[in-house]
C-alpha atoms as a PDB file:
ATOM      1  CA  MET A   1      41.263   8.958  28.849  1.00  0.00           C
ATOM      2  CA  SER A   2      39.649  12.375  29.276  1.00  0.00           C
ATOM      3  CA  GLU A   3      35.964  12.831  28.577  1.00  0.00           C
ATOM      4  CA  GLN A   4      36.789  15.530  26.019  1.00  0.00           C
ATOM      5  CA  HIS A   5      38.584  13.063  23.745  1.00  0.00           C
ATOM      6  CA  ALA A   6      36.474   9.988  24.459  1.00  0.00           C
ATOM      7  CA  HIS A   7      35.182   8.460  21.250  1.00  0.00           C
ATOM      8  CA  PRO A   8      33.470   5.043  21.394  1.00  0.00           C
ATOM      9  CA  HIS A   9      33.989   4.154  17.725  1.00  0.00           C
ATOM     10  CA  VAL A  10      37.056   4.216  15.491  1.00  0.00           C
ATOM     11  CA  TYR A  11      37.541   3.630  11.775  1.00  0.00           C
ATOM     12  CA  THR A  12      40.196   0.999  11.135  1.00  0.00           C
ATOM     13  CA  SER A  13      41.041  -1.861   8.776  1.00  0.00           C
ATOM     14  CA  THR A  14      40.508  -5.596   8.725  1.00  0.00           C
ATOM     15  CA  ALA A  15      44.302  -5.944   8.688  1.00  0.00           C
ATOM     16  CA  VAL A  16      44.592  -4.139  12.037  1.00  0.00           C
ATOM     17  CA  ILE A  17      41.796  -6.234  13.507  1.00  0.00           C
ATOM     18  CA  ASP A  18      43.687  -9.330  12.330  1.00  0.00           C
ATOM     19  CA  GLY A  19      46.788  -8.217  14.202  1.00  0.00           C
ATOM     20  CA  GLU A  20      48.740  -5.920  11.885  1.00  0.00           C
ATOM     21  CA  PRO A  21      50.724  -3.341  13.948  1.00  0.00           C
ATOM     22  CA  ILE A  22      49.152   0.098  14.146  1.00  0.00           C
ATOM     23  CA  THR A  23      51.407   2.696  12.526  1.00  0.00           C
ATOM     24  CA  TRP A  24      49.075   5.658  11.890  1.00  0.00           C
ATOM     25  CA  VAL A  25      46.461   7.352  14.080  1.00  0.00           C
ATOM     26  CA  HIS A  26      44.474  10.314  12.809  1.00  0.00           C
ATOM     27  CA  HIS A  27      42.125  12.612  14.778  1.00  0.00           C
ATOM     28  CA  ASP A  28      40.366  14.490  12.008  1.00  0.00           C
ATOM     29  CA  HIS A  29      38.917  17.990  12.031  1.00  0.00           C
ATOM     30  CA  ASP A  30      35.411  16.602  12.648  1.00  0.00           C
ATOM     31  CA  GLY A  31      36.552  14.734  15.767  1.00  0.00           C
ATOM     32  CA  ASP A  32      36.532  11.243  14.229  1.00  0.00           C
ATOM     33  CA  TRP A  33      39.400   8.780  14.691  1.00  0.00           C
ATOM     34  CA  GLN A  34      41.107   6.641  12.046  1.00  0.00           C
ATOM     35  CA  VAL A  35      43.620   3.964  13.034  1.00  0.00           C
ATOM     36  CA  LEU A  36      45.546   2.041  10.382  1.00  0.00           C
ATOM     37  CA  GLY A  37      48.609  -0.109   9.784  1.00  0.00           C
ATOM     38  CA  GLU A  38      50.758  -0.460   6.688  1.00  0.00           C
ATOM     39  CA  THR A  39      48.005  -2.058   4.604  1.00  0.00           C
ATOM     40  CA  PRO A  40      46.043   0.585   2.639  1.00  0.00           C
ATOM     41  CA  LEU A  41      42.264   0.620   2.448  1.00  0.00           C
ATOM     42  CA  GLU A  42      41.662  -0.374  -1.155  1.00  0.00           C
ATOM     43  CA  THR A  43      37.963  -1.282  -0.943  1.00  0.00           C
ATOM     44  CA  ASP A  44      35.026  -0.686   1.384  1.00  0.00           C
ATOM     45  CA  ASP A  45      35.374  -4.296   2.525  1.00  0.00           C
ATOM     46  CA  ASP A  46      38.776  -3.417   4.031  1.00  0.00           C
ATOM     47  CA  ALA A  47      37.260  -0.791   6.363  1.00  0.00           C
ATOM     48  CA  VAL A  48      35.886  -1.576   9.801  1.00  0.00           C
ATOM     49  CA  LEU A  49      34.072   0.529  12.389  1.00  0.00           C
ATOM     50  CA  THR A  50      35.053  -0.810  15.791  1.00  0.00           C
ATOM     51  CA  HIS A  51      35.158   0.171  19.445  1.00  0.00           C
ATOM     52  CA  LEU A  52      38.093   2.115  20.780  1.00  0.00           C
ATOM     53  CA  GLU A  53      38.468  -0.357  23.634  1.00  0.00           C
ATOM     54  CA  ASP A  54      39.046  -3.163  21.113  1.00  0.00           C
ATOM     55  CA  LEU A  55      41.971  -1.289  19.560  1.00  0.00           C
ATOM     56  CA  LEU A  56      43.446  -0.473  22.967  1.00  0.00           C
ATOM     57  CA  ALA A  57      43.352  -4.173  23.750  1.00  0.00           C
ATOM     58  CA  LEU A  58      45.296  -4.852  20.555  1.00  0.00           C
ATOM     59  CA  ASP A  59      47.819  -2.047  21.164  1.00  0.00           C
ATOM     60  CA  PRO A  60      47.824  -0.223  24.529  1.00  0.00           C
ATOM     61  CA  SER A  61      50.340   2.335  23.175  1.00  0.00           C
ATOM     62  CA  VAL A  62      47.506   3.989  21.245  1.00  0.00           C
ATOM     63  CA  GLU A  63      46.083   5.292  24.524  1.00  0.00           C
ATOM     64  CA  GLN A  64      48.866   7.878  24.806  1.00  0.00           C
ATOM     65  CA  LEU A  65      47.592   9.425  21.553  1.00  0.00           C
ATOM     66  CA  LEU A  66      44.052  10.076  22.720  1.00  0.00           C
ATOM     67  CA  GLU A  67      45.020  13.565  23.843  1.00  0.00           C
ATOM     68  CA  ILE A  68      46.189  14.765  20.425  1.00  0.00           C
ATOM     69  CA  PRO A  69      44.032  17.666  19.161  1.00  0.00           C
ATOM     70  CA  GLN A  70      41.655  17.466  16.252  1.00  0.00           C
ATOM     71  CA  GLY A  71      43.418  17.881  12.937  1.00  0.00           C
ATOM     72  CA  HIS A  72      46.521  15.987  14.110  1.00  0.00           C
ATOM     73  CA  SER A  73      48.011  12.606  13.294  1.00  0.00           C
ATOM     74  CA  ALA A  74      50.597  10.303  14.837  1.00  0.00           C
ATOM     75  CA  GLU A  75      52.831   8.009  12.842  1.00  0.00           C
ATOM     76  CA  ARG A  76      55.596   5.487  13.505  1.00  0.00           C
ATOM     77  CA  ASP A  77      57.693   3.136  11.395  1.00  0.00           C
ATOM     78  CA  ASP A  78      56.793  -0.016  13.327  1.00  0.00           C
ATOM     79  CA  LYS A  79      55.410  -1.145  16.664  1.00  0.00           C
ATOM     80  CA  ASP A  80      58.779  -0.646  18.385  1.00  0.00           C
ATOM     81  CA  SER A  81      59.321   2.908  17.094  1.00  0.00           C
ATOM     82  CA  PRO A  82      58.247   6.069  18.948  1.00  0.00           C
ATOM     83  CA  TRP A  83      55.149   7.945  17.827  1.00  0.00           C
ATOM     84  CA  GLN A  84      55.641  11.203  15.912  1.00  0.00           C
ATOM     85  CA  VAL A  85      52.727  13.652  16.224  1.00  0.00           C
ATOM     86  CA  TYR A  86      52.129  16.294  13.554  1.00  0.00           C
ATOM     87  CA  GLU A  87      49.379  18.619  12.398  1.00  0.00           C
ATOM     88  CA  GLU A  88      47.438  17.780   9.273  1.00  0.00           C
ATOM     89  CA  PRO A  89      46.380  20.639   6.951  1.00  0.00           C
ATOM     90  CA  ASP A  90      42.700  21.480   7.049  1.00  0.00           C
ATOM     91  CA  ASP A  91      41.039  20.721   3.711  1.00  0.00           C
ATOM     92  CA  GLU A  92      39.245  24.030   3.931  1.00  0.00           C
ATOM     93  CA  GLN A  93      42.598  25.806   3.844  1.00  0.00           C
ATOM     94  CA  VAL A  94      43.578  24.282   0.517  1.00  0.00           C
ATOM     95  CA  CYS A  95      43.309  26.810  -2.290  1.00  0.00           C
ATOM     96  CA  TRP A  96      43.944  26.922  -6.011  1.00  0.00           C
ATOM     97  CA  THR A  97      46.428  29.061  -7.877  1.00  0.00           C
ATOM     98  CA  THR A  98      48.772  28.883 -10.868  1.00  0.00           C
ATOM     99  CA  ARG A  99      52.397  27.864 -11.157  1.00  0.00           C
ATOM    100  CA  GLN A 100      53.111  31.414 -12.278  1.00  0.00           C
ATOM    101  CA  VAL A 101      51.822  32.816  -8.966  1.00  0.00           C
ATOM    102  CA  LEU A 102      53.959  30.353  -7.024  1.00  0.00           C
ATOM    103  CA  ASP A 103      56.918  31.488  -9.138  1.00  0.00           C
ATOM    104  CA  GLY A 104      56.361  35.115  -8.145  1.00  0.00           C
ATOM    105  CA  GLU A 105      53.622  36.507 -10.389  1.00  0.00           C
ATOM    106  CA  PRO A 106      51.569  39.008  -8.324  1.00  0.00           C
ATOM    107  CA  VAL A 107      48.088  37.918  -7.265  1.00  0.00           C
ATOM    108  CA  LEU A 108      45.475  40.266  -8.718  1.00  0.00           C
ATOM    109  CA  VAL A 109      42.239  38.392  -7.935  1.00  0.00           C
ATOM    110  CA  VAL A 110      41.130  36.235  -4.996  1.00  0.00           C
ATOM    111  CA  PHE A 111      37.895  34.354  -5.671  1.00  0.00           C
ATOM    112  CA  HIS A 112      35.802  32.804  -2.880  1.00  0.00           C
ATOM    113  CA  THR A 113      33.587  30.319  -4.695  1.00  0.00           C
ATOM    114  CA  ASP A 114      30.153  29.080  -3.705  1.00  0.00           C
ATOM    115  CA  ASP A 115      31.845  25.742  -2.885  1.00  0.00           C
ATOM    116  CA  ASP A 116      33.844  27.588  -0.191  1.00  0.00           C
ATOM    117  CA  GLU A 117      37.106  27.259  -2.112  1.00  0.00           C
ATOM    118  CA  PHE A 118      39.600  30.035  -2.793  1.00  0.00           C
ATOM    119  CA  GLU A 119      41.356  30.805  -6.059  1.00  0.00           C
ATOM    120  CA  PHE A 120      44.396  33.113  -6.102  1.00  0.00           C
ATOM    121  CA  LEU A 121      45.107  34.267  -9.656  1.00  0.00           C
ATOM    122  CA  GLY A 122      47.484  36.641 -11.365  1.00  0.00           C
ATOM    123  CA  ALA A 123      47.629  37.883 -14.933  1.00  0.00           C
ATOM    124  CA  THR A 124      48.143  34.376 -16.339  1.00  0.00           C
ATOM    125  CA  GLU A 125      44.967  32.554 -17.302  1.00  0.00           C
ATOM    126  CA  PRO A 126      44.530  29.322 -15.279  1.00  0.00           C
ATOM    127  CA  THR A 127      44.582  26.088 -17.297  1.00  0.00           C
ATOM    128  CA  GLU A 128      44.615  22.386 -16.498  1.00  0.00           C
ATOM    129  CA  ASP A 129      48.371  22.392 -16.989  1.00  0.00           C
ATOM    130  CA  ASN A 130      49.277  25.332 -14.753  1.00  0.00           C
ATOM    131  CA  SER A 131      46.656  25.053 -11.975  1.00  0.00           C
ATOM    132  CA  VAL A 132      47.983  23.766  -8.655  1.00  0.00           C
ATOM    133  CA  ALA A 133      46.639  23.278  -5.145  1.00  0.00           C
ATOM    134  CA  THR A 134      48.492  24.911  -2.279  1.00  0.00           C
ATOM    135  CA  ASP A 135      47.761  26.350   1.157  1.00  0.00           C
ATOM    136  CA  LEU A 136      47.131  29.842   2.466  1.00  0.00           C
ATOM    137  CA  GLU A 137      50.335  29.876   4.470  1.00  0.00           C
ATOM    138  CA  THR A 138      52.451  29.329   1.361  1.00  0.00           C
ATOM    139  CA  LEU A 139      50.666  32.066  -0.572  1.00  0.00           C
ATOM    140  CA  ALA A 140      50.787  34.535   2.313  1.00  0.00           C
ATOM    141  CA  ALA A 141      54.516  33.938   2.709  1.00  0.00           C
ATOM    142  CA  ALA A 142      55.035  34.658  -0.996  1.00  0.00           C
ATOM    143  CA  ASP A 143      52.874  37.803  -0.944  1.00  0.00           C
ATOM    144  CA  PRO A 144      52.177  39.423   2.460  1.00  0.00           C
ATOM    145  CA  SER A 145      49.886  41.960   0.784  1.00  0.00           C
ATOM    146  CA  LEU A 146      47.189  39.343   0.135  1.00  0.00           C
ATOM    147  CA  PRO A 147      43.827  40.075   1.758  1.00  0.00           C
ATOM    148  CA  ASP A 148      42.585  38.057   4.697  1.00  0.00           C
ATOM    149  CA  PRO A 149      40.324  35.364   3.132  1.00  0.00           C
ATOM    150  CA  ALA A 150      37.906  35.846   6.038  1.00  0.00           C
ATOM    151  CA  THR A 151      37.077  39.276   4.621  1.00  0.00           C
ATOM    152  CA  VAL A 152      35.986  37.819   1.257  1.00  0.00           C
ATOM    153  CA  PRO A 153      32.448  36.348   1.457  1.00  0.00           C
ATOM    154  CA  PRO A 154      31.382  33.416  -0.758  1.00  0.00           C
ATOM    155  CA  MET A 155      30.570  34.439  -4.341  1.00  0.00           C
ATOM    156  CA  HIS A 156      32.772  37.515  -3.924  1.00  0.00           C
ATOM    157  CA  ALA A 157      36.233  38.413  -5.111  1.00  0.00           C
ATOM    158  CA  ALA A 158      38.991  40.645  -3.851  1.00  0.00           C
ATOM    159  CA  HIS A 159      40.682  42.288  -6.830  1.00  0.00           C
ATOM    160  CA  ARG A 160      43.206  44.963  -7.731  1.00  0.00           C
ATOM    161  CA  ASP A 161      44.652  46.281 -10.964  1.00  0.00           C
ATOM    162  CA  SER A 162      48.279  46.051  -9.874  1.00  0.00           C
ATOM    163  CA  PRO A 163      50.295  45.004  -6.807  1.00  0.00           C
ATOM    164  CA  ASP A 164      50.583  48.624  -5.589  1.00  0.00           C
ATOM    165  CA  GLN A 165      46.805  49.193  -5.688  1.00  0.00           C
ATOM    166  CA  PRO A 166      44.425  48.583  -2.751  1.00  0.00           C
ATOM    167  CA  TRP A 167      42.170  45.538  -2.724  1.00  0.00           C
ATOM    168  CA  GLN A 168      38.485  45.954  -3.582  1.00  0.00           C
ATOM    169  CA  ILE A 169      35.818  43.371  -2.764  1.00  0.00           C
ATOM    170  CA  SER A 170      32.761  42.825  -4.942  1.00  0.00           C
ATOM    171  CA  LEU A 171      30.422  40.164  -6.269  1.00  0.00           C
ATOM    172  CA  TYR A 172      31.805  38.143  -9.150  1.00  0.00           C
ATOM    173  CA  GLU A 173      30.165  36.602 -12.196  1.00  0.00           C
ATOM    174  CA  ALA A 174      30.581  32.851 -12.754  1.00  0.00           C
ATOM    175  CA  ALA A 175      32.301  31.986 -16.028  1.00  0.00           C
ATOM    176  CA  ASP A 176      30.060  28.978 -16.739  1.00  0.00           C
ATOM    177  CA  GLN A 177      26.845  30.935 -17.124  1.00  0.00           C
ATOM    178  CA  ASP A 178      24.862  30.442 -20.302  1.00  0.00           C
ATOM    179  CA  ASP A 179      25.291  32.755 -23.277  1.00  0.00           C
ATOM    180  CA  GLU A 180      22.321  34.901 -22.353  1.00  0.00           C
ATOM    181  CA  ASP A 181      23.703  35.646 -18.912  1.00  0.00           C
ATOM    182  CA  ALA A 182      27.129  36.329 -20.394  1.00  0.00           C
ATOM    183  CA  GLU A 183      25.598  38.855 -22.794  1.00  0.00           C
ATOM    184  CA  ASP A 184      23.734  40.523 -19.959  1.00  0.00           C
ATOM    185  CA  ALA A 185      26.957  40.757 -18.011  1.00  0.00           C
ATOM    186  CA  GLY A 186      28.446  42.688 -20.894  1.00  0.00           C
ATOM    187  CA  SER A 187      31.811  40.960 -20.844  1.00  0.00           C
ATOM    188  CA  ALA A 188      33.249  37.449 -20.789  1.00  0.00           C
ATOM    189  CA  GLU A 189      35.989  38.630 -18.448  1.00  0.00           C
ATOM    190  CA  GLY A 190      34.140  40.746 -15.943  1.00  0.00           C
ATOM    191  CA  THR A 191      31.080  42.737 -14.978  1.00  0.00           C
ATOM    192  CA  ALA A 192      30.372  46.164 -13.673  1.00  0.00           C
ATOM    193  CA  ASP A 193      30.344  44.689 -10.195  1.00  0.00           C
ATOM    194  CA  GLY A 194      33.591  42.746 -10.381  1.00  0.00           C
ATOM    195  CA  PRO A 195      35.682  40.078 -12.150  1.00  0.00           C
ATOM    196  CA  THR A 196      34.633  36.762 -13.600  1.00  0.00           C
ATOM    197  CA  ALA A 197      35.527  33.491 -11.857  1.00  0.00           C
ATOM    198  CA  HIS A 198      37.170  30.830 -14.020  1.00  0.00           C
END
């Protein structure tokens, strides 16, 4: 095991400790390891923080997975099946949009919220029924003209009037401000500086 991937503690389950075959190994984006079997973690009492060496003693095949990069997982059907390694999406890359955008409606506004989330919206107002979570890769494939999210700071928005117009970046006004702030902004849908986040 290389020093780079050495990690003395691993999150696992009581079922694995009791001998259940390991079928899922996850090296998360923060560098932590999670090792589980088929039994889900339903309560805090099911979770165990143990030493990596203890898991290797239970299943030496896990050692071959210690070189997988952060943000990757390995899965197998049972203890006799080969491991399949795949990349997990980074939570920070998850963004919100509408079903209409995914169906082809042009994106007109890209909000970067103070919670470090992104919202890609078109002309259709987002609602509980039409809002969906997706990833940047899917949106970029649907519309290559989208701005690079790295160029949109938090509490800013990239916006355009139509798909053939250039993107402009400006501060946005939060939609959940109180009535006094909304009056000062001059509009429930936007400000002189930029659009209003929903």
